[in-house]
Amino acid sequence: MENLHKGPQVTFEVRLTPGRQGLDPNAPDWEVCELEDGVVNSNAEVYDNLTKGEAEDLAAMWARKKGEAET
């Protein structure tokens, strides 16, 4: 049986920026985080000051690009 190291599982999460209320989806209250095995390893992997729509689009694009790179 082969022992293959696959590396960390990378996912992208849209979340409310700490300290923001998130009442208006058009306000720049949202951020996208790159998670490795469910953990943000660096603040450089958090992209903030986005509207909710921008954050969702960015997370979807990164997930799609990651999927394309793996195939």
N, C-alpha and C. Protein backbone atom coordinates (compact mmCIF):
# COMPACT_ATOMS: atom_id res chain seq x y z
N MET A 1 0.83 -1.17 0.00
CA MET A 1 0.00 0.00 0.00
C MET A 1 0.88 1.25 0.00
N GLU A 2 0.52 2.22 -0.84
CA GLU A 2 1.31 3.44 -0.95
C GLU A 2 0.96 4.42 0.16
N ASN A 3 1.97 5.12 0.64
CA ASN A 3 1.78 6.16 1.63
C ASN A 3 1.98 7.50 0.94
N LEU A 4 0.90 8.12 0.50
CA LEU A 4 0.98 9.39 -0.22
C LEU A 4 0.69 10.55 0.71
N HIS A 5 1.55 11.54 0.68
CA HIS A 5 1.32 12.76 1.46
C HIS A 5 0.59 13.74 0.56
N LYS A 6 -0.63 14.11 0.92
CA LYS A 6 -1.44 14.99 0.10
C LYS A 6 -1.29 16.45 0.49
N GLY A 7 -0.72 16.76 1.61
CA GLY A 7 -0.63 18.15 2.05
C GLY A 7 -1.90 18.59 2.73
N PRO A 8 -1.92 19.85 3.13
CA PRO A 8 -3.09 20.35 3.86
C PRO A 8 -4.31 20.50 2.94
N GLN A 9 -5.48 20.40 3.53
CA GLN A 9 -6.72 20.66 2.79
C GLN A 9 -6.98 22.16 2.85
N VAL A 10 -7.02 22.80 1.69
CA VAL A 10 -7.22 24.24 1.61
C VAL A 10 -8.66 24.54 1.24
N THR A 11 -9.30 25.39 2.04
CA THR A 11 -10.67 25.83 1.77
C THR A 11 -10.71 27.35 1.93
N PHE A 12 -11.80 27.94 1.46
CA PHE A 12 -11.97 29.38 1.54
C PHE A 12 -13.29 29.67 2.24
N GLU A 13 -13.25 30.60 3.19
CA GLU A 13 -14.43 30.90 4.00
C GLU A 13 -14.74 32.39 3.92
N VAL A 14 -16.00 32.70 3.69
CA VAL A 14 -16.49 34.08 3.75
C VAL A 14 -17.01 34.28 5.16
N ARG A 15 -16.53 35.34 5.81
CA ARG A 15 -17.01 35.61 7.17
C ARG A 15 -17.06 37.11 7.42
N LEU A 16 -17.77 37.46 8.45
CA LEU A 16 -17.90 38.84 8.87
C LEU A 16 -16.60 39.29 9.52
N THR A 17 -16.11 40.45 9.12
CA THR A 17 -14.90 40.99 9.73
C THR A 17 -15.17 41.26 11.21
N PRO A 18 -14.27 40.84 12.10
CA PRO A 18 -14.48 41.09 13.54
C PRO A 18 -14.74 42.57 13.82
N GLY A 19 -15.74 42.82 14.67
CA GLY A 19 -16.08 44.19 15.03
C GLY A 19 -17.09 44.85 14.12
N ARG A 20 -17.46 44.18 13.04
CA ARG A 20 -18.43 44.73 12.09
C ARG A 20 -19.79 44.08 12.33
N GLN A 21 -20.87 44.78 11.97
CA GLN A 21 -22.21 44.26 12.22
C GLN A 21 -22.73 43.41 11.08
N GLY A 22 -22.37 43.72 9.85
CA GLY A 22 -22.83 42.93 8.71
C GLY A 22 -24.30 43.09 8.39
N LEU A 23 -24.88 44.21 8.76
CA LEU A 23 -26.30 44.43 8.51
C LEU A 23 -26.58 44.78 7.06
N ASP A 24 -25.62 45.39 6.39
CA ASP A 24 -25.78 45.80 5.00
C ASP A 24 -24.84 44.97 4.13
N PRO A 25 -25.37 44.11 3.25
CA PRO A 25 -24.49 43.26 2.42
C PRO A 25 -23.63 44.06 1.45
N ASN A 26 -23.97 45.36 1.23
CA ASN A 26 -23.18 46.20 0.34
C ASN A 26 -22.10 46.99 1.07
N ALA A 27 -22.04 46.86 2.38
CA ALA A 27 -20.99 47.51 3.16
C ALA A 27 -19.74 46.63 3.16
N PRO A 28 -18.56 47.26 3.23
CA PRO A 28 -17.32 46.47 3.20
C PRO A 28 -17.02 45.84 4.56
N ASP A 29 -17.93 44.98 5.00
CA ASP A 29 -17.84 44.35 6.33
C ASP A 29 -17.38 42.90 6.26
N TRP A 30 -17.01 42.41 5.10
CA TRP A 30 -16.79 40.98 4.92
C TRP A 30 -15.36 40.69 4.54
N GLU A 31 -14.94 39.46 4.79
CA GLU A 31 -13.58 39.03 4.45
C GLU A 31 -13.61 37.59 3.95
N VAL A 32 -12.58 37.25 3.20
CA VAL A 32 -12.38 35.88 2.73
C VAL A 32 -11.10 35.38 3.39
N CYS A 33 -11.18 34.20 3.96
CA CYS A 33 -10.03 33.60 4.63
C CYS A 33 -9.63 32.32 3.91
N GLU A 34 -8.34 32.15 3.73
CA GLU A 34 -7.82 30.89 3.21
C GLU A 34 -7.47 30.02 4.41
N LEU A 35 -8.11 28.88 4.50
CA LEU A 35 -7.90 27.98 5.63
C LEU A 35 -7.12 26.75 5.17
N GLU A 36 -6.16 26.36 5.96
CA GLU A 36 -5.44 25.11 5.73
C GLU A 36 -5.82 24.18 6.87
N ASP A 37 -6.50 23.10 6.53
CA ASP A 37 -7.02 22.16 7.52
C ASP A 37 -7.87 22.89 8.57
N GLY A 38 -8.65 23.88 8.10
CA GLY A 38 -9.58 24.59 8.95
C GLY A 38 -9.01 25.72 9.78
N VAL A 39 -7.73 26.09 9.53
CA VAL A 39 -7.06 27.11 10.33
C VAL A 39 -6.45 28.17 9.43
N VAL A 40 -6.61 29.45 9.81
CA VAL A 40 -5.92 30.54 9.12
C VAL A 40 -4.50 30.57 9.65
N ASN A 41 -3.53 30.32 8.79
CA ASN A 41 -2.13 30.27 9.25
C ASN A 41 -1.45 31.63 9.27
N SER A 42 -1.99 32.59 8.53
CA SER A 42 -1.35 33.89 8.44
C SER A 42 -2.40 34.95 8.13
N ASN A 43 -2.22 36.13 8.70
CA ASN A 43 -3.13 37.23 8.38
C ASN A 43 -3.02 37.64 6.92
N ALA A 44 -1.92 37.28 6.26
CA ALA A 44 -1.76 37.55 4.83
C ALA A 44 -2.77 36.75 4.02
N GLU A 45 -3.37 35.74 4.61
CA GLU A 45 -4.35 34.89 3.93
C GLU A 45 -5.79 35.35 4.20
N VAL A 46 -5.95 36.55 4.76
CA VAL A 46 -7.27 37.13 5.02
C VAL A 46 -7.40 38.38 4.16
N TYR A 47 -8.42 38.42 3.33
CA TYR A 47 -8.67 39.55 2.44
C TYR A 47 -9.96 40.21 2.90
N ASP A 48 -9.85 41.47 3.38
CA ASP A 48 -11.01 42.10 4.00
C ASP A 48 -11.44 43.35 3.26
N ASN A 49 -12.39 44.07 3.86
CA ASN A 49 -13.00 45.28 3.28
C ASN A 49 -13.71 44.97 1.98
N LEU A 50 -14.44 43.86 1.97
CA LEU A 50 -15.21 43.45 0.80
C LEU A 50 -16.70 43.48 1.12
N THR A 51 -17.50 43.71 0.08
CA THR A 51 -18.94 43.52 0.27
C THR A 51 -19.18 42.02 0.33
N LYS A 52 -20.35 41.63 0.78
CA LYS A 52 -20.64 40.20 0.88
C LYS A 52 -20.58 39.55 -0.50
N GLY A 53 -21.11 40.21 -1.52
CA GLY A 53 -21.08 39.67 -2.88
C GLY A 53 -19.66 39.53 -3.40
N GLU A 54 -18.82 40.53 -3.17
CA GLU A 54 -17.42 40.46 -3.60
C GLU A 54 -16.71 39.31 -2.92
N ALA A 55 -16.94 39.15 -1.62
CA ALA A 55 -16.29 38.08 -0.86
C ALA A 55 -16.73 36.71 -1.37
N GLU A 56 -18.02 36.54 -1.63
CA GLU A 56 -18.51 35.26 -2.14
C GLU A 56 -17.94 34.97 -3.53
N ASP A 57 -17.88 35.98 -4.39
CA ASP A 57 -17.32 35.79 -5.73
C ASP A 57 -15.84 35.43 -5.66
N LEU A 58 -15.09 36.12 -4.79
CA LEU A 58 -13.66 35.85 -4.65
C LEU A 58 -13.42 34.43 -4.13
N ALA A 59 -14.16 34.03 -3.12
CA ALA A 59 -14.01 32.68 -2.57
C ALA A 59 -14.34 31.62 -3.62
N ALA A 60 -15.39 31.84 -4.39
CA ALA A 60 -15.78 30.89 -5.44
C ALA A 60 -14.70 30.81 -6.52
N MET A 61 -14.15 31.95 -6.92
CA MET A 61 -13.11 31.96 -7.94
C MET A 61 -11.87 31.20 -7.46
N TRP A 62 -11.45 31.46 -6.23
CA TRP A 62 -10.27 30.77 -5.71
C TRP A 62 -10.51 29.27 -5.60
N ALA A 63 -11.68 28.87 -5.16
CA ALA A 63 -11.99 27.44 -5.07
C ALA A 63 -11.98 26.80 -6.46
N ARG A 64 -12.52 27.50 -7.45
CA ARG A 64 -12.52 26.99 -8.83
C ARG A 64 -11.09 26.88 -9.36
N LYS A 65 -10.28 27.91 -9.15
CA LYS A 65 -8.88 27.90 -9.62
C LYS A 65 -8.09 26.78 -8.92
N LYS A 66 -8.34 26.58 -7.64
CA LYS A 66 -7.66 25.50 -6.91
C LYS A 66 -8.05 24.15 -7.51
N GLY A 67 -9.34 23.96 -7.81
CA GLY A 67 -9.80 22.72 -8.42
C GLY A 67 -9.19 22.49 -9.79
N GLU A 68 -9.06 23.56 -10.58
CA GLU A 68 -8.45 23.44 -11.91
C GLU A 68 -6.98 23.06 -11.80
N ALA A 69 -6.29 23.62 -10.82
CA ALA A 69 -4.87 23.34 -10.64
C ALA A 69 -4.61 21.89 -10.21
N GLU A 70 -5.59 21.31 -9.52
CA GLU A 70 -5.41 19.94 -9.02
C GLU A 70 -5.72 18.88 -10.07
N THR A 71 -6.37 19.28 -11.16
CA THR A 71 -6.72 18.28 -12.19
C THR A 71 -5.75 18.29 -13.32
